N, C-alpha and C. Protein backbone atom coordinates (compact mmCIF):
# COMPACT_ATOMS: atom_id res chain seq x y z
N MET A 1 4.23 -1.61 1.80
CA MET A 1 3.94 -2.90 2.41
C MET A 1 2.65 -3.43 1.81
N ILE A 2 2.71 -4.63 1.21
CA ILE A 2 1.56 -5.20 0.51
C ILE A 2 1.06 -6.42 1.29
N ARG A 3 -0.24 -6.44 1.50
CA ARG A 3 -0.86 -7.59 2.17
C ARG A 3 -1.96 -8.15 1.29
N LYS A 4 -2.13 -9.46 1.33
CA LYS A 4 -3.21 -10.11 0.58
C LYS A 4 -4.45 -10.14 1.45
N LEU A 5 -5.57 -9.73 0.88
CA LEU A 5 -6.83 -9.71 1.63
C LEU A 5 -7.57 -11.04 1.46
N ALA A 6 -8.54 -11.27 2.31
CA ALA A 6 -9.34 -12.50 2.23
C ALA A 6 -10.08 -12.60 0.90
N SER A 7 -10.39 -11.45 0.30
CA SER A 7 -11.11 -11.41 -0.98
C SER A 7 -10.21 -11.78 -2.15
N GLY A 8 -8.90 -11.93 -1.89
CA GLY A 8 -7.97 -12.26 -2.97
C GLY A 8 -7.29 -11.05 -3.58
N GLU A 9 -7.71 -9.86 -3.15
CA GLU A 9 -7.08 -8.64 -3.65
C GLU A 9 -5.86 -8.31 -2.79
N TYR A 10 -5.08 -7.36 -3.28
CA TYR A 10 -3.88 -6.94 -2.55
C TYR A 10 -4.05 -5.49 -2.15
N ARG A 11 -3.65 -5.16 -0.94
CA ARG A 11 -3.76 -3.79 -0.46
C ARG A 11 -2.39 -3.26 -0.09
N LEU A 12 -2.14 -2.03 -0.52
CA LEU A 12 -0.88 -1.35 -0.23
C LEU A 12 -1.05 -0.50 1.02
N TYR A 13 -0.20 -0.74 2.03
CA TYR A 13 -0.23 0.03 3.27
C TYR A 13 1.04 0.86 3.36
N SER A 14 0.94 1.98 4.08
CA SER A 14 2.13 2.78 4.32
C SER A 14 3.09 2.00 5.20
N ARG A 15 4.37 2.33 5.12
CA ARG A 15 5.37 1.62 5.93
C ARG A 15 5.30 2.06 7.39
N LYS A 16 4.98 3.33 7.60
CA LYS A 16 4.90 3.85 8.96
C LYS A 16 3.48 3.74 9.49
N VAL A 17 3.38 3.64 10.82
CA VAL A 17 2.07 3.60 11.47
C VAL A 17 1.57 5.03 11.64
N ASN A 18 0.30 5.25 11.33
CA ASN A 18 -0.32 6.56 11.49
C ASN A 18 -0.50 6.84 12.99
N PRO A 19 0.14 7.86 13.53
CA PRO A 19 0.08 8.07 14.98
C PRO A 19 -1.33 8.36 15.50
N LYS A 20 -2.18 8.92 14.64
CA LYS A 20 -3.54 9.27 15.07
C LYS A 20 -4.39 8.02 15.32
N THR A 21 -4.24 7.01 14.45
CA THR A 21 -5.08 5.81 14.55
C THR A 21 -4.32 4.62 15.12
N GLY A 22 -2.98 4.67 15.04
CA GLY A 22 -2.19 3.53 15.50
C GLY A 22 -2.13 2.41 14.48
N LYS A 23 -2.64 2.66 13.26
CA LYS A 23 -2.63 1.66 12.19
C LYS A 23 -1.89 2.22 10.98
N ARG A 24 -1.65 1.34 10.02
CA ARG A 24 -1.00 1.78 8.78
C ARG A 24 -2.04 2.39 7.85
N ARG A 25 -1.63 3.39 7.09
CA ARG A 25 -2.53 4.06 6.17
C ARG A 25 -2.75 3.21 4.92
N ASN A 26 -3.99 3.08 4.48
CA ASN A 26 -4.32 2.35 3.26
C ASN A 26 -3.99 3.21 2.05
N LEU A 27 -3.11 2.70 1.17
CA LEU A 27 -2.70 3.47 -0.01
C LEU A 27 -3.29 2.92 -1.29
N GLY A 28 -4.29 2.05 -1.18
CA GLY A 28 -4.97 1.57 -2.38
C GLY A 28 -5.09 0.06 -2.39
N THR A 29 -6.12 -0.43 -3.09
CA THR A 29 -6.39 -1.85 -3.21
C THR A 29 -6.31 -2.24 -4.68
N PHE A 30 -5.67 -3.38 -4.96
CA PHE A 30 -5.39 -3.76 -6.34
C PHE A 30 -5.75 -5.22 -6.57
N LYS A 31 -6.10 -5.53 -7.83
CA LYS A 31 -6.49 -6.90 -8.19
C LYS A 31 -5.30 -7.86 -8.17
N SER A 32 -4.13 -7.35 -8.57
CA SER A 32 -2.95 -8.23 -8.65
C SER A 32 -1.81 -7.65 -7.82
N ARG A 33 -0.93 -8.54 -7.40
CA ARG A 33 0.23 -8.09 -6.62
C ARG A 33 1.13 -7.20 -7.48
N ALA A 34 1.25 -7.53 -8.76
CA ALA A 34 2.10 -6.74 -9.66
C ALA A 34 1.61 -5.30 -9.73
N ALA A 35 0.30 -5.12 -9.78
CA ALA A 35 -0.27 -3.77 -9.84
C ALA A 35 0.03 -3.01 -8.55
N ALA A 36 -0.05 -3.71 -7.42
CA ALA A 36 0.23 -3.08 -6.13
C ALA A 36 1.71 -2.69 -6.04
N GLU A 37 2.60 -3.57 -6.53
CA GLU A 37 4.03 -3.27 -6.51
C GLU A 37 4.35 -2.08 -7.41
N LYS A 38 3.68 -2.02 -8.55
CA LYS A 38 3.90 -0.91 -9.48
C LYS A 38 3.49 0.41 -8.82
N HIS A 39 2.35 0.40 -8.14
CA HIS A 39 1.89 1.62 -7.48
C HIS A 39 2.81 1.98 -6.30
N GLU A 40 3.32 0.97 -5.63
CA GLU A 40 4.24 1.23 -4.50
C GLU A 40 5.48 1.97 -5.00
N ARG A 41 6.01 1.57 -6.16
CA ARG A 41 7.15 2.27 -6.74
C ARG A 41 6.79 3.71 -7.08
N ALA A 42 5.59 3.91 -7.61
CA ALA A 42 5.14 5.26 -7.95
C ALA A 42 5.03 6.12 -6.70
N VAL A 43 4.53 5.55 -5.62
CA VAL A 43 4.40 6.27 -4.35
C VAL A 43 5.78 6.67 -3.84
N GLN A 44 6.74 5.73 -3.87
CA GLN A 44 8.09 6.02 -3.38
C GLN A 44 8.74 7.12 -4.22
N TYR A 45 8.53 7.09 -5.53
CA TYR A 45 9.06 8.13 -6.40
C TYR A 45 8.46 9.49 -6.03
N PHE A 46 7.13 9.50 -5.88
CA PHE A 46 6.43 10.75 -5.60
C PHE A 46 6.89 11.37 -4.27
N LYS A 47 7.19 10.51 -3.28
CA LYS A 47 7.63 11.01 -1.98
C LYS A 47 8.96 11.75 -2.06
N ARG A 48 9.76 11.45 -3.08
CA ARG A 48 11.09 12.04 -3.17
C ARG A 48 11.24 13.08 -4.28
N HIS A 49 10.15 13.40 -5.00
CA HIS A 49 10.23 14.39 -6.09
C HIS A 49 9.14 15.44 -5.95
C-alpha cells in the first residue's frame, strides 16, 4: 500500500495492520511512486520465497 506524503515522497506500508501498534508497518520511503511500486513487488516476492 503506497501513500503520498506531504513532503512529496511516497511511503510503502504493509497491507495488514500491526496488532501491537494498531497501525500499518512502514516498509520504506521513496522519492518516486515507481520506485515504491518496484520495492513493493520485491517485498511480495520475498514473502513467498
